[in-house]
PDB file of N, CA and C in Angstrom:
ATOM      1  N   MET A   1     130.922  31.967  20.966  1.00  0.00           N
ATOM      2  CA  MET A   1     130.122  33.039  21.528  1.00  0.00           C
ATOM      3  C   MET A   1     130.590  34.365  20.943  1.00  0.00           C
ATOM      4  N   ASN A   2     129.689  35.180  20.532  1.00  0.00           N
ATOM      5  CA  ASN A   2     129.989  36.474  19.960  1.00  0.00           C
ATOM      6  C   ASN A   2     130.292  37.472  21.076  1.00  0.00           C
ATOM      7  N   ARG A   3     131.535  37.948  21.148  1.00  0.00           N
ATOM      8  CA  ARG A   3     131.928  38.882  22.215  1.00  0.00           C
ATOM      9  C   ARG A   3     131.210  40.220  22.092  1.00  0.00           C
ATOM     10  N   ARG A   4     130.720  40.571  20.923  1.00  0.00           N
ATOM     11  CA  ARG A   4     130.071  41.865  20.740  1.00  0.00           C
ATOM     12  C   ARG A   4     128.667  41.914  21.341  1.00  0.00           C
ATOM     13  N   SER A   5     127.992  40.791  21.434  1.00  0.00           N
ATOM     14  CA  SER A   5     126.602  40.808  21.859  1.00  0.00           C
ATOM     15  C   SER A   5     126.396  40.291  23.280  1.00  0.00           C
ATOM     16  N   THR A   6     127.455  40.122  24.025  1.00  0.00           N
ATOM     17  CA  THR A   6     127.333  39.574  25.360  1.00  0.00           C
ATOM     18  C   THR A   6     127.446  40.664  26.421  1.00  0.00           C
ATOM     19  N   VAL A   7     126.909  40.370  27.573  1.00  0.00           N
ATOM     20  CA  VAL A   7     127.038  41.280  28.702  1.00  0.00           C
ATOM     21  C   VAL A   7     128.395  41.031  29.340  1.00  0.00           C
ATOM     22  N   VAL A   8     129.132  42.087  29.560  1.00  0.00           N
ATOM     23  CA  VAL A   8     130.448  41.952  30.181  1.00  0.00           C
ATOM     24  C   VAL A   8     130.449  42.662  31.521  1.00  0.00           C
ATOM     25  N   LYS A   9     131.296  42.181  32.391  1.00  0.00           N
ATOM     26  CA  LYS A   9     131.472  42.822  33.692  1.00  0.00           C
ATOM     27  C   LYS A   9     132.942  43.200  33.806  1.00  0.00           C
ATOM     28  N   VAL A  10     133.198  44.459  34.087  1.00  0.00           N
ATOM     29  CA  VAL A  10     134.553  44.945  34.275  1.00  0.00           C
ATOM     30  C   VAL A  10     134.708  45.294  35.749  1.00  0.00           C
ATOM     31  N   THR A  11     135.682  44.660  36.398  1.00  0.00           N
ATOM     32  CA  THR A  11     135.957  44.951  37.804  1.00  0.00           C
ATOM     33  C   THR A  11     137.428  45.338  37.946  1.00  0.00           C
ATOM     34  N   TYR A  12     137.746  45.944  39.074  1.00  0.00           N
ATOM     35  CA  TYR A  12     139.091  46.449  39.321  1.00  0.00           C
ATOM     36  C   TYR A  12     139.597  45.962  40.667  1.00  0.00           C
ATOM     37  N   THR A  13     140.884  45.664  40.733  1.00  0.00           N
ATOM     38  CA  THR A  13     141.471  45.320  42.022  1.00  0.00           C
ATOM     39  C   THR A  13     141.478  46.571  42.893  1.00  0.00           C
ATOM     40  N   ARG A  14     141.632  46.363  44.168  1.00  0.00           N
ATOM     41  CA  ARG A  14     141.666  47.482  45.116  1.00  0.00           C
ATOM     42  C   ARG A  14     142.795  48.451  44.771  1.00  0.00           C
ATOM     43  N   SER A  15     143.955  47.908  44.406  1.00  0.00           N
ATOM     44  CA  SER A  15     145.097  48.782  44.096  1.00  0.00           C
ATOM     45  C   SER A  15     144.850  49.607  42.832  1.00  0.00           C
ATOM     46  N   VAL A  16     144.152  49.046  41.858  1.00  0.00           N
ATOM     47  CA  VAL A  16     143.835  49.804  40.642  1.00  0.00           C
ATOM     48  C   VAL A  16     142.828  50.905  40.961  1.00  0.00           C
ATOM     49  N   LYS A  17     141.842  50.597  41.776  1.00  0.00           N
ATOM     50  CA  LYS A  17     140.875  51.634  42.175  1.00  0.00           C
ATOM     51  C   LYS A  17     141.592  52.802  42.847  1.00  0.00           C
ATOM     52  N   GLN A  18     142.544  52.479  43.720  1.00  0.00           N
ATOM     53  CA  GLN A  18     143.304  53.535  44.399  1.00  0.00           C
ATOM     54  C   GLN A  18     144.150  54.323  43.403  1.00  0.00           C
ATOM     55  N   TYR A  19     144.763  53.628  42.469  1.00  0.00           N
ATOM     56  CA  TYR A  19     145.565  54.290  41.446  1.00  0.00           C
ATOM     57  C   TYR A  19     144.715  55.290  40.657  1.00  0.00           C
ATOM     58  N   LEU A  20     143.511  54.884  40.286  1.00  0.00           N
ATOM     59  CA  LEU A  20     142.641  55.757  39.499  1.00  0.00           C
ATOM     60  C   LEU A  20     142.191  56.974  40.301  1.00  0.00           C
ATOM     61  N   ARG A  21     141.939  56.784  41.587  1.00  0.00           N
ATOM     62  CA  ARG A  21     141.611  57.942  42.445  1.00  0.00           C
ATOM     63  C   ARG A  21     142.806  58.886  42.523  1.00  0.00           C
ATOM     64  N   ASP A  22     143.988  58.312  42.704  1.00  0.00           N
ATOM     65  CA  ASP A  22     145.202  59.130  42.771  1.00  0.00           C
ATOM     66  C   ASP A  22     145.484  59.815  41.444  1.00  0.00           C
ATOM     67  N   LEU A  23     145.164  59.158  40.348  1.00  0.00           N
ATOM     68  CA  LEU A  23     145.397  59.725  39.024  1.00  0.00           C
ATOM     69  C   LEU A  23     144.647  61.041  38.851  1.00  0.00           C
ATOM     70  N   ILE A  24     143.440  61.096  39.336  1.00  0.00           N
ATOM     71  CA  ILE A  24     142.659  62.332  39.243  1.00  0.00           C
ATOM     72  C   ILE A  24     143.414  63.479  39.903  1.00  0.00           C
ATOM     73  N   LYS A  25     143.894  63.243  41.091  1.00  0.00           N
ATOM     74  CA  LYS A  25     144.635  64.269  41.832  1.00  0.00           C
ATOM     75  C   LYS A  25     145.954  64.612  41.139  1.00  0.00           C
ATOM     76  N   THR A  26     146.658  63.600  40.655  1.00  0.00           N
ATOM     77  CA  THR A  26     147.942  63.819  39.982  1.00  0.00           C
ATOM     78  C   THR A  26     147.770  64.669  38.726  1.00  0.00           C
ATOM     79  N   LEU A  27     146.760  64.361  37.926  1.00  0.00           N
ATOM     80  CA  LEU A  27     146.524  65.128  36.696  1.00  0.00           C
ATOM     81  C   LEU A  27     146.263  66.598  36.997  1.00  0.00           C
ATOM     82  N   TYR A  28     145.572  66.846  38.081  1.00  0.00           N
ATOM     83  CA  TYR A  28     145.292  68.227  38.480  1.00  0.00           C
ATOM     84  C   TYR A  28     146.529  68.881  39.101  1.00  0.00           C
ATOM     85  N   ASP A  29     147.159  68.195  40.057  1.00  0.00           N
ATOM     86  CA  ASP A  29     148.318  68.756  40.765  1.00  0.00           C
ATOM     87  C   ASP A  29     149.489  69.058  39.836  1.00  0.00           C
ATOM     88  N   LYS A  30     149.685  68.219  38.832  1.00  0.00           N
ATOM     89  CA  LYS A  30     150.793  68.438  37.893  1.00  0.00           C
ATOM     90  C   LYS A  30     150.380  69.335  36.729  1.00  0.00           C
ATOM     91  N   GLU A  31     149.177  69.883  36.834  1.00  0.00           N
ATOM     92  CA  GLU A  31     148.648  70.864  35.891  1.00  0.00           C
ATOM     93  C   GLU A  31     148.486  70.343  34.465  1.00  0.00           C
ATOM     94  N   TYR A  32     148.170  69.042  34.354  1.00  0.00           N
ATOM     95  CA  TYR A  32     147.759  68.539  33.052  1.00  0.00           C
ATOM     96  C   TYR A  32     146.386  69.096  32.717  1.00  0.00           C
ATOM     97  N   PHE A  33     145.598  69.344  33.768  1.00  0.00           N
ATOM     98  CA  PHE A  33     144.291  69.978  33.631  1.00  0.00           C
ATOM     99  C   PHE A  33     144.204  71.139  34.618  1.00  0.00           C
ATOM    100  N   SER A  34     143.525  72.198  34.218  1.00  0.00           N
ATOM    101  CA  SER A  34     143.424  73.388  35.057  1.00  0.00           C
ATOM    102  C   SER A  34     142.428  73.238  36.192  1.00  0.00           C
ATOM    103  N   TYR A  35     141.483  72.334  36.040  1.00  0.00           N
ATOM    104  CA  TYR A  35     140.442  72.147  37.049  1.00  0.00           C
ATOM    105  C   TYR A  35     140.384  70.679  37.453  1.00  0.00           C
ATOM    106  N   GLU A  36     140.175  70.446  38.735  1.00  0.00           N
ATOM    107  CA  GLU A  36     140.063  69.071  39.203  1.00  0.00           C
ATOM    108  C   GLU A  36     138.875  68.371  38.543  1.00  0.00           C
ATOM    109  N   GLU A  37     137.823  69.126  38.304  1.00  0.00           N
ATOM    110  CA  GLU A  37     136.636  68.591  37.635  1.00  0.00           C
ATOM    111  C   GLU A  37     136.981  68.019  36.252  1.00  0.00           C
ATOM    112  N   THR A  38     137.889  68.664  35.555  1.00  0.00           N
ATOM    113  CA  THR A  38     138.313  68.184  34.239  1.00  0.00           C
ATOM    114  C   THR A  38     139.100  66.875  34.368  1.00  0.00           C
ATOM    115  N   SER A  39     139.895  66.765  35.415  1.00  0.00           N
ATOM    116  CA  SER A  39     140.617  65.513  35.678  1.00  0.00           C
ATOM    117  C   SER A  39     139.643  64.377  35.951  1.00  0.00           C
ATOM    118  N   VAL A  40     138.611  64.673  36.713  1.00  0.00           N
ATOM    119  CA  VAL A  40     137.585  63.668  37.009  1.00  0.00           C
ATOM    120  C   VAL A  40     136.914  63.220  35.712  1.00  0.00           C
ATOM    121  N   LYS A  41     136.563  64.163  34.856  1.00  0.00           N
ATOM    122  CA  LYS A  41     135.917  63.829  33.583  1.00  0.00           C
ATOM    123  C   LYS A  41     136.833  62.982  32.701  1.00  0.00           C
ATOM    124  N   TYR A  42     138.114  63.295  32.696  1.00  0.00           N
ATOM    125  CA  TYR A  42     139.075  62.540  31.886  1.00  0.00           C
ATOM    126  C   TYR A  42     139.124  61.081  32.331  1.00  0.00           C
ATOM    127  N   VAL A  43     139.292  60.863  33.627  1.00  0.00           N
ATOM    128  CA  VAL A  43     139.386  59.492  34.143  1.00  0.00           C
ATOM    129  C   VAL A  43     138.047  58.774  33.977  1.00  0.00           C
ATOM    130  N   THR A  44     136.959  59.467  34.226  1.00  0.00           N
ATOM    131  CA  THR A  44     135.633  58.861  34.074  1.00  0.00           C
ATOM    132  C   THR A  44     135.388  58.436  32.636  1.00  0.00           C
ATOM    133  N   SER A  45     135.774  59.279  31.683  1.00  0.00           N
ATOM    134  CA  SER A  45     135.568  58.926  30.270  1.00  0.00           C
ATOM    135  C   SER A  45     136.450  57.740  29.869  1.00  0.00           C
ATOM    136  N   LEU A  46     137.645  57.674  30.433  1.00  0.00           N
ATOM    137  CA  LEU A  46     138.529  56.539  30.157  1.00  0.00           C
ATOM    138  C   LEU A  46     137.909  55.242  30.684  1.00  0.00           C
ATOM    139  N   LEU A  47     137.382  55.279  31.889  1.00  0.00           N
ATOM    140  CA  LEU A  47     136.757  54.088  32.473  1.00  0.00           C
ATOM    141  C   LEU A  47     135.494  53.682  31.722  1.00  0.00           C
ATOM    142  N   LEU A  48     134.727  54.645  31.257  1.00  0.00           N
ATOM    143  CA  LEU A  48     133.537  54.331  30.472  1.00  0.00           C
ATOM    144  C   LEU A  48     133.934  53.661  29.156  1.00  0.00           C
ATOM    145  N   GLU A  49     134.992  54.156  28.544  1.00  0.00           N
ATOM    146  CA  GLU A  49     135.466  53.551  27.297  1.00  0.00           C
ATOM    147  C   GLU A  49     135.916  52.103  27.540  1.00  0.00           C
ATOM    148  N   VAL A  50     136.607  51.870  28.645  1.00  0.00           N
ATOM    149  CA  VAL A  50     137.025  50.509  28.980  1.00  0.00           C
ATOM    150  C   VAL A  50     135.798  49.620  29.169  1.00  0.00           C
ATOM    151  N   LYS A  51     134.859  50.100  29.947  1.00  0.00           N
ATOM    152  CA  LYS A  51     133.653  49.309  30.257  1.00  0.00           C
ATOM    153  C   LYS A  51     132.873  48.924  28.998  1.00  0.00           C
ATOM    154  N   THR A  52     132.804  49.846  28.054  1.00  0.00           N
ATOM    155  CA  THR A  52     131.963  49.604  26.880  1.00  0.00           C
ATOM    156  C   THR A  52     132.689  48.970  25.699  1.00  0.00           C
ATOM    157  N   THR A  53     134.033  48.935  25.748  1.00  0.00           N
ATOM    158  CA  THR A  53     134.742  48.418  24.569  1.00  0.00           C
ATOM    159  C   THR A  53     135.770  47.323  24.835  1.00  0.00           C
ATOM    160  N   ILE A  54     136.055  47.015  26.084  1.00  0.00           N
ATOM    161  CA  ILE A  54     137.131  46.051  26.364  1.00  0.00           C
ATOM    162  C   ILE A  54     136.890  44.711  25.677  1.00  0.00           C
ATOM    163  N   HIS A  55     135.645  44.323  25.565  1.00  0.00           N
ATOM    164  CA  HIS A  55     135.323  43.019  24.975  1.00  0.00           C
ATOM    165  C   HIS A  55     135.458  42.985  23.452  1.00  0.00           C
ATOM    166  N   VAL A  56     135.561  44.131  22.806  1.00  0.00           N
ATOM    167  CA  VAL A  56     135.707  44.157  21.350  1.00  0.00           C
ATOM    168  C   VAL A  56     137.089  44.637  20.903  1.00  0.00           C
ATOM    169  N   ARG A  57     137.875  45.107  21.823  1.00  0.00           N
ATOM    170  CA  ARG A  57     139.231  45.552  21.485  1.00  0.00           C
ATOM    171  C   ARG A  57     140.145  44.358  21.292  1.00  0.00           C
ATOM    172  N   GLN A  58     141.167  44.569  20.484  1.00  0.00           N
ATOM    173  CA  GLN A  58     142.153  43.503  20.297  1.00  0.00           C
ATOM    174  C   GLN A  58     142.987  43.388  21.563  1.00  0.00           C
ATOM    175  N   ARG A  59     142.888  42.231  22.200  1.00  0.00           N
ATOM    176  CA  ARG A  59     143.688  42.008  23.400  1.00  0.00           C
ATOM    177  C   ARG A  59     144.992  41.357  23.003  1.00  0.00           C
ATOM    178  N   LYS A  60     146.020  41.718  23.746  1.00  0.00           N
ATOM    179  CA  LYS A  60     147.344  41.164  23.493  1.00  0.00           C
ATOM    180  C   LYS A  60     147.851  40.511  24.771  1.00  0.00           C
ATOM    181  N   LYS A  61     148.627  39.465  24.613  1.00  0.00           N
ATOM    182  CA  LYS A  61     149.226  38.802  25.761  1.00  0.00           C
ATOM    183  C   LYS A  61     150.239  39.767  26.383  1.00  0.00           C
ATOM    184  N   ALA A  62     150.148  39.944  27.692  1.00  0.00           N
ATOM    185  CA  ALA A  62     151.051  40.862  28.377  1.00  0.00           C
ATOM    186  C   ALA A  62     152.469  40.293  28.407  1.00  0.00           C
ATOM    187  N   PRO A  63     153.464  41.140  28.214  1.00  0.00           N
ATOM    188  CA  PRO A  63     154.852  40.687  28.325  1.00  0.00           C
ATOM    189  C   PRO A  63     155.132  40.123  29.724  1.00  0.00           C
ATOM    190  N   ALA A  64     156.111  39.249  29.810  1.00  0.00           N
ATOM    191  CA  ALA A  64     156.468  38.595  31.078  1.00  0.00           C
ATOM    192  C   ALA A  64     156.752  39.614  32.188  1.00  0.00           C
ATOM    193  N   TYR A  65     157.243  40.785  31.822  1.00  0.00           N
ATOM    194  CA  TYR A  65     157.527  41.839  32.809  1.00  0.00           C
ATOM    195  C   TYR A  65     156.328  42.114  33.717  1.00  0.00           C
ATOM    196  N   PHE A  66     155.126  41.979  33.189  1.00  0.00           N
ATOM    197  CA  PHE A  66     153.914  42.306  33.935  1.00  0.00           C
ATOM    198  C   PHE A  66     153.329  41.116  34.693  1.00  0.00           C
ATOM    199  N   SER A  67     153.994  39.984  34.679  1.00  0.00           N
ATOM    200  CA  SER A  67     153.452  38.783  35.330  1.00  0.00           C
ATOM    201  C   SER A  67     153.270  38.959  36.831  1.00  0.00           C
ATOM    202  N   ARG A  68     153.905  39.939  37.421  1.00  0.00           N
ATOM    203  CA  ARG A  68     153.722  40.204  38.861  1.00  0.00           C
ATOM    204  C   ARG A  68     152.284  40.618  39.187  1.00  0.00           C
ATOM    205  N   TYR A  69     151.516  40.997  38.171  1.00  0.00           N
ATOM    206  CA  TYR A  69     150.131  41.420  38.387  1.00  0.00           C
ATOM    207  C   TYR A  69     149.125  40.302  38.161  1.00  0.00           C
ATOM    208  N   GLY A  70     149.600  39.132  37.739  1.00  0.00           N
ATOM    209  CA  GLY A  70     148.698  38.006  37.567  1.00  0.00           C
ATOM    210  C   GLY A  70     149.148  37.065  36.466  1.00  0.00           C
ATOM    211  N   LYS A  71     148.592  35.871  36.510  1.00  0.00           N
ATOM    212  CA  LYS A  71     148.872  34.872  35.481  1.00  0.00           C
ATOM    213  C   LYS A  71     147.867  35.043  34.346  1.00  0.00           C
ATOM    214  N   ASN A  72     148.255  34.604  33.161  1.00  0.00           N
ATOM    215  CA  ASN A  72     147.382  34.696  31.984  1.00  0.00           C
ATOM    216  C   ASN A  72     146.875  36.127  31.781  1.00  0.00           C
ATOM    217  N   LEU A  73     147.781  37.061  31.868  1.00  0.00           N
ATOM    218  CA  LEU A  73     147.449  38.474  31.784  1.00  0.00           C
ATOM    219  C   LEU A  73     147.439  38.946  30.330  1.00  0.00           C
ATOM    220  N   TYR A  74     146.449  39.759  30.020  1.00  0.00           N
ATOM    221  CA  TYR A  74     146.330  40.405  28.711  1.00  0.00           C
ATOM    222  C   TYR A  74     146.281  41.910  28.927  1.00  0.00           C
ATOM    223  N   TYR A  75     146.395  42.651  27.825  1.00  0.00           N
ATOM    224  CA  TYR A  75     146.206  44.097  27.919  1.00  0.00           C
ATOM    225  C   TYR A  75     145.540  44.621  26.659  1.00  0.00           C
ATOM    226  N   VAL A  76     144.914  45.774  26.810  1.00  0.00           N
ATOM    227  CA  VAL A  76     144.334  46.499  25.688  1.00  0.00           C
ATOM    228  C   VAL A  76     144.822  47.943  25.775  1.00  0.00           C
ATOM    229  N   CYS A  77     144.869  48.601  24.629  1.00  0.00           N
ATOM    230  CA  CYS A  77     145.363  49.974  24.535  1.00  0.00           C
ATOM    231  C   CYS A  77     144.202  50.936  24.336  1.00  0.00           C
ATOM    232  N   TYR A  78     144.317  52.088  24.988  1.00  0.00           N
ATOM    233  CA  TYR A  78     143.327  53.149  24.839  1.00  0.00           C
ATOM    234  C   TYR A  78     144.051  54.470  24.592  1.00  0.00           C
ATOM    235  N   PRO A  79     144.201  54.862  23.323  1.00  0.00           N
ATOM    236  CA  PRO A  79     144.809  56.165  23.039  1.00  0.00           C
ATOM    237  C   PRO A  79     143.844  57.276  23.456  1.00  0.00           C
ATOM    238  N   LYS A  80     144.339  58.216  24.258  1.00  0.00           N
ATOM    239  CA  LYS A  80     143.490  59.325  24.706  1.00  0.00           C
ATOM    240  C   LYS A  80     143.902  60.645  24.069  1.00  0.00           C
ATOM    241  N   SER A  81     145.089  60.705  23.511  1.00  0.00           N
ATOM    242  CA  SER A  81     145.541  61.904  22.813  1.00  0.00           C
ATOM    243  C   SER A  81     146.670  61.494  21.870  1.00  0.00           C
ATOM    244  N   LYS A  82     147.219  62.454  21.161  1.00  0.00           N
ATOM    245  CA  LYS A  82     148.331  62.153  20.258  1.00  0.00           C
ATOM    246  C   LYS A  82     149.552  61.670  21.039  1.00  0.00           C
ATOM    247  N   ARG A  83     149.638  62.058  22.306  1.00  0.00           N
ATOM    248  CA  ARG A  83     150.826  61.744  23.096  1.00  0.00           C
ATOM    249  C   ARG A  83     150.625  60.653  24.143  1.00  0.00           C
ATOM    250  N   THR A  84     149.387  60.342  24.508  1.00  0.00           N
ATOM    251  CA  THR A  84     149.166  59.426  25.626  1.00  0.00           C
ATOM    252  C   THR A  84     148.260  58.253  25.248  1.00  0.00           C
ATOM    253  N   THR A  85     148.771  57.067  25.504  1.00  0.00           N
ATOM    254  CA  THR A  85     148.006  55.832  25.358  1.00  0.00           C
ATOM    255  C   THR A  85     148.008  55.122  26.699  1.00  0.00           C
ATOM    256  N   TRP A  86     146.825  54.702  27.129  1.00  0.00           N
ATOM    257  CA  TRP A  86     146.676  53.976  28.388  1.00  0.00           C
ATOM    258  C   TRP A  86     146.637  52.492  28.113  1.00  0.00           C
ATOM    259  N   TYR A  87     147.231  51.721  29.022  1.00  0.00           N
ATOM    260  CA  TYR A  87     147.246  50.262  28.931  1.00  0.00           C
ATOM    261  C   TYR A  87     146.515  49.699  30.138  1.00  0.00           C
ATOM    262  N   PHE A  88     145.517  48.880  29.884  1.00  0.00           N
ATOM    263  CA  PHE A  88     144.765  48.216  30.935  1.00  0.00           C
ATOM    264  C   PHE A  88     145.098  46.730  30.883  1.00  0.00           C
ATOM    265  N   PHE A  89     145.698  46.236  31.958  1.00  0.00           N
ATOM    266  CA  PHE A  89     146.111  44.837  32.059  1.00  0.00           C
ATOM    267  C   PHE A  89     145.055  44.078  32.853  1.00  0.00           C
ATOM    268  N   PHE A  90     144.670  42.907  32.352  1.00  0.00           N
ATOM    269  CA  PHE A  90     143.556  42.208  32.969  1.00  0.00           C
ATOM    270  C   PHE A  90     143.668  40.700  32.807  1.00  0.00           C
ATOM    271  N   THR A  91     142.894  40.025  33.637  1.00  0.00           N
ATOM    272  CA  THR A  91     142.654  38.602  33.435  1.00  0.00           C
ATOM    273  C   THR A  91     141.197  38.484  33.021  1.00  0.00           C
ATOM    274  N   TYR A  92     140.968  37.546  32.143  1.00  0.00           N
ATOM    275  CA  TYR A  92     139.607  37.334  31.637  1.00  0.00           C
ATOM    276  C   TYR A  92     139.071  36.037  32.213  1.00  0.00           C
ATOM    277  N   HIS A  93     137.864  36.114  32.743  1.00  0.00           N
ATOM    278  CA  HIS A  93     137.204  34.945  33.319  1.00  0.00           C
ATOM    279  C   HIS A  93     135.941  34.673  32.501  1.00  0.00           C
ATOM    280  N   PRO A  94     135.999  33.681  31.586  1.00  0.00           N
ATOM    281  CA  PRO A  94     134.871  33.428  30.691  1.00  0.00           C
ATOM    282  C   PRO A  94     133.576  33.101  31.430  1.00  0.00           C
ATOM    283  N   GLU A  95     133.683  32.398  32.562  1.00  0.00           N
ATOM    284  CA  GLU A  95     132.479  32.138  33.347  1.00  0.00           C
ATOM    285  C   GLU A  95     132.062  33.483  33.945  1.00  0.00           C
ATOM    286  N   GLY A  96     130.964  33.982  33.504  1.00  0.00           N
ATOM    287  CA  GLY A  96     130.497  35.297  33.935  1.00  0.00           C
ATOM    288  C   GLY A  96     130.949  36.431  33.038  1.00  0.00           C
ATOM    289  N   ASN A  97     131.829  36.137  32.079  1.00  0.00           N
ATOM    290  CA  ASN A  97     132.331  37.146  31.149  1.00  0.00           C
ATOM    291  C   ASN A  97     132.905  38.357  31.903  1.00  0.00           C
ATOM    292  N   VAL A  98     133.829  38.069  32.827  1.00  0.00           N
ATOM    293  CA  VAL A  98     134.390  39.095  33.715  1.00  0.00           C
ATOM    294  C   VAL A  98     135.808  39.455  33.294  1.00  0.00           C
ATOM    295  N   TYR A  99     136.052  40.744  33.216  1.00  0.00           N
ATOM    296  CA  TYR A  99     137.382  41.286  32.968  1.00  0.00           C
ATOM    297  C   TYR A  99     137.838  41.922  34.275  1.00  0.00           C
ATOM    298  N   LEU A 100     138.873  41.342  34.886  1.00  0.00           N
ATOM    299  CA  LEU A 100     139.398  41.881  36.136  1.00  0.00           C
ATOM    300  C   LEU A 100     140.641  42.702  35.815  1.00  0.00           C
ATOM    301  N   ILE A 101     140.509  44.011  35.945  1.00  0.00           N
ATOM    302  CA  ILE A 101     141.626  44.920  35.677  1.00  0.00           C
ATOM    303  C   ILE A 101     142.583  44.840  36.859  1.00  0.00           C
ATOM    304  N   ARG A 102     143.823  44.442  36.564  1.00  0.00           N
ATOM    305  CA  ARG A 102     144.815  44.217  37.615  1.00  0.00           C
ATOM    306  C   ARG A 102     145.897  45.291  37.666  1.00  0.00           C
ATOM    307  N   TYR A 103     146.021  46.052  36.557  1.00  0.00           N
ATOM    308  CA  TYR A 103     147.078  47.068  36.512  1.00  0.00           C
ATOM    309  C   TYR A 103     146.752  48.046  35.399  1.00  0.00           C
ATOM    310  N   VAL A 104     147.121  49.309  35.611  1.00  0.00           N
ATOM    311  CA  VAL A 104     146.918  50.352  34.607  1.00  0.00           C
ATOM    312  C   VAL A 104     148.214  51.152  34.503  1.00  0.00           C
ATOM    313  N   SER A 105     148.608  51.457  33.276  1.00  0.00           N
ATOM    314  CA  SER A 105     149.783  52.289  33.059  1.00  0.00           C
ATOM    315  C   SER A 105     149.600  53.038  31.743  1.00  0.00           C
ATOM    316  N   ASN A 106     150.610  53.802  31.373  1.00  0.00           N
ATOM    317  CA  ASN A 106     150.540  54.493  30.084  1.00  0.00           C
ATOM    318  C   ASN A 106     151.893  54.472  29.399  1.00  0.00           C
ATOM    319  N   ASN A 107     151.928  54.968  28.175  1.00  0.00           N
ATOM    320  CA  ASN A 107     153.145  54.921  27.375  1.00  0.00           C
ATOM    321  C   ASN A 107     154.266  55.768  27.956  1.00  0.00           C
ATOM    322  N   HIS A 108     153.954  56.765  28.769  1.00  0.00           N
ATOM    323  CA  HIS A 108     154.985  57.610  29.362  1.00  0.00           C
ATOM    324  C   HIS A 108     155.745  56.865  30.461  1.00  0.00           C
ATOM    325  N   VAL A 109     155.099  55.895  31.074  1.00  0.00           N
ATOM    326  CA  VAL A 109     155.689  55.166  32.196  1.00  0.00           C
ATOM    327  C   VAL A 109     156.285  53.840  31.749  1.00  0.00           C
ATOM    328  N   GLU A 110     155.505  53.030  31.054  1.00  0.00           N
ATOM    329  CA  GLU A 110     155.952  51.689  30.709  1.00  0.00           C
ATOM    330  C   GLU A 110     155.707  51.300  29.260  1.00  0.00           C
ATOM    331  N   GLY A 111     155.604  52.287  28.419  1.00  0.00           N
ATOM    332  CA  GLY A 111     155.357  52.015  27.013  1.00  0.00           C
ATOM    333  C   GLY A 111     156.426  51.174  26.356  1.00  0.00           C
ATOM    334  N   HIS A 112     157.664  51.281  26.821  1.00  0.00           N
ATOM    335  CA  HIS A 112     158.757  50.509  26.221  1.00  0.00           C
ATOM    336  C   HIS A 112     158.598  49.012  26.449  1.00  0.00           C
ATOM    337  N   TRP A 113     157.759  48.593  27.405  1.00  0.00           N
ATOM    338  CA  TRP A 113     157.547  47.168  27.660  1.00  0.00           C
ATOM    339  C   TRP A 113     156.471  46.560  26.768  1.00  0.00           C
ATOM    340  N   VAL A 114     155.627  47.376  26.160  1.00  0.00           N
ATOM    341  CA  VAL A 114     154.501  46.831  25.401  1.00  0.00           C
ATOM    342  C   VAL A 114     154.564  47.091  23.910  1.00  0.00           C
ATOM    343  N   ARG A 115     155.634  47.611  23.432  1.00  0.00           N
ATOM    344  CA  ARG A 115     155.745  47.905  22.003  1.00  0.00           C
ATOM    345  C   ARG A 115     155.895  46.688  21.164  1.00  0.00           C
TER     346      ARG A 115
END
C-alpha cells in the first residue's frame, strides 16, 4: 500500500492533548513568543504538519527509554527552527491507518535519547 496516497488518521492520547494545551501557555509565559496568539499559531502549525506529513516522514523505532509510553513505539522528527526539533512518539495501527500520538518532546528536553 502506498503511504502517500492513503487517508491517515492522527489521534492523541489525553495526556498529549493536555501537554499541547500547556505548551501554548508555557511558550507565552516563558516569553518564547510575545503574544499568546503567536504561541497558538506555533502549536497549531506543528500539529498541522504532523497531520499532513506523518505518513511520509521517515519513522524510527523509539529507544527503549520511551517504552513507558507504549509498545512498538516509533517517532518522527519535526524541526521547527535552527535550535528546536520536536519528536512525536506514536504507535501505528494499520487497520484504519491510525497514528496514535502517545508522547511529545523536543531536543531541549530529551534529545540525548534519540540521537
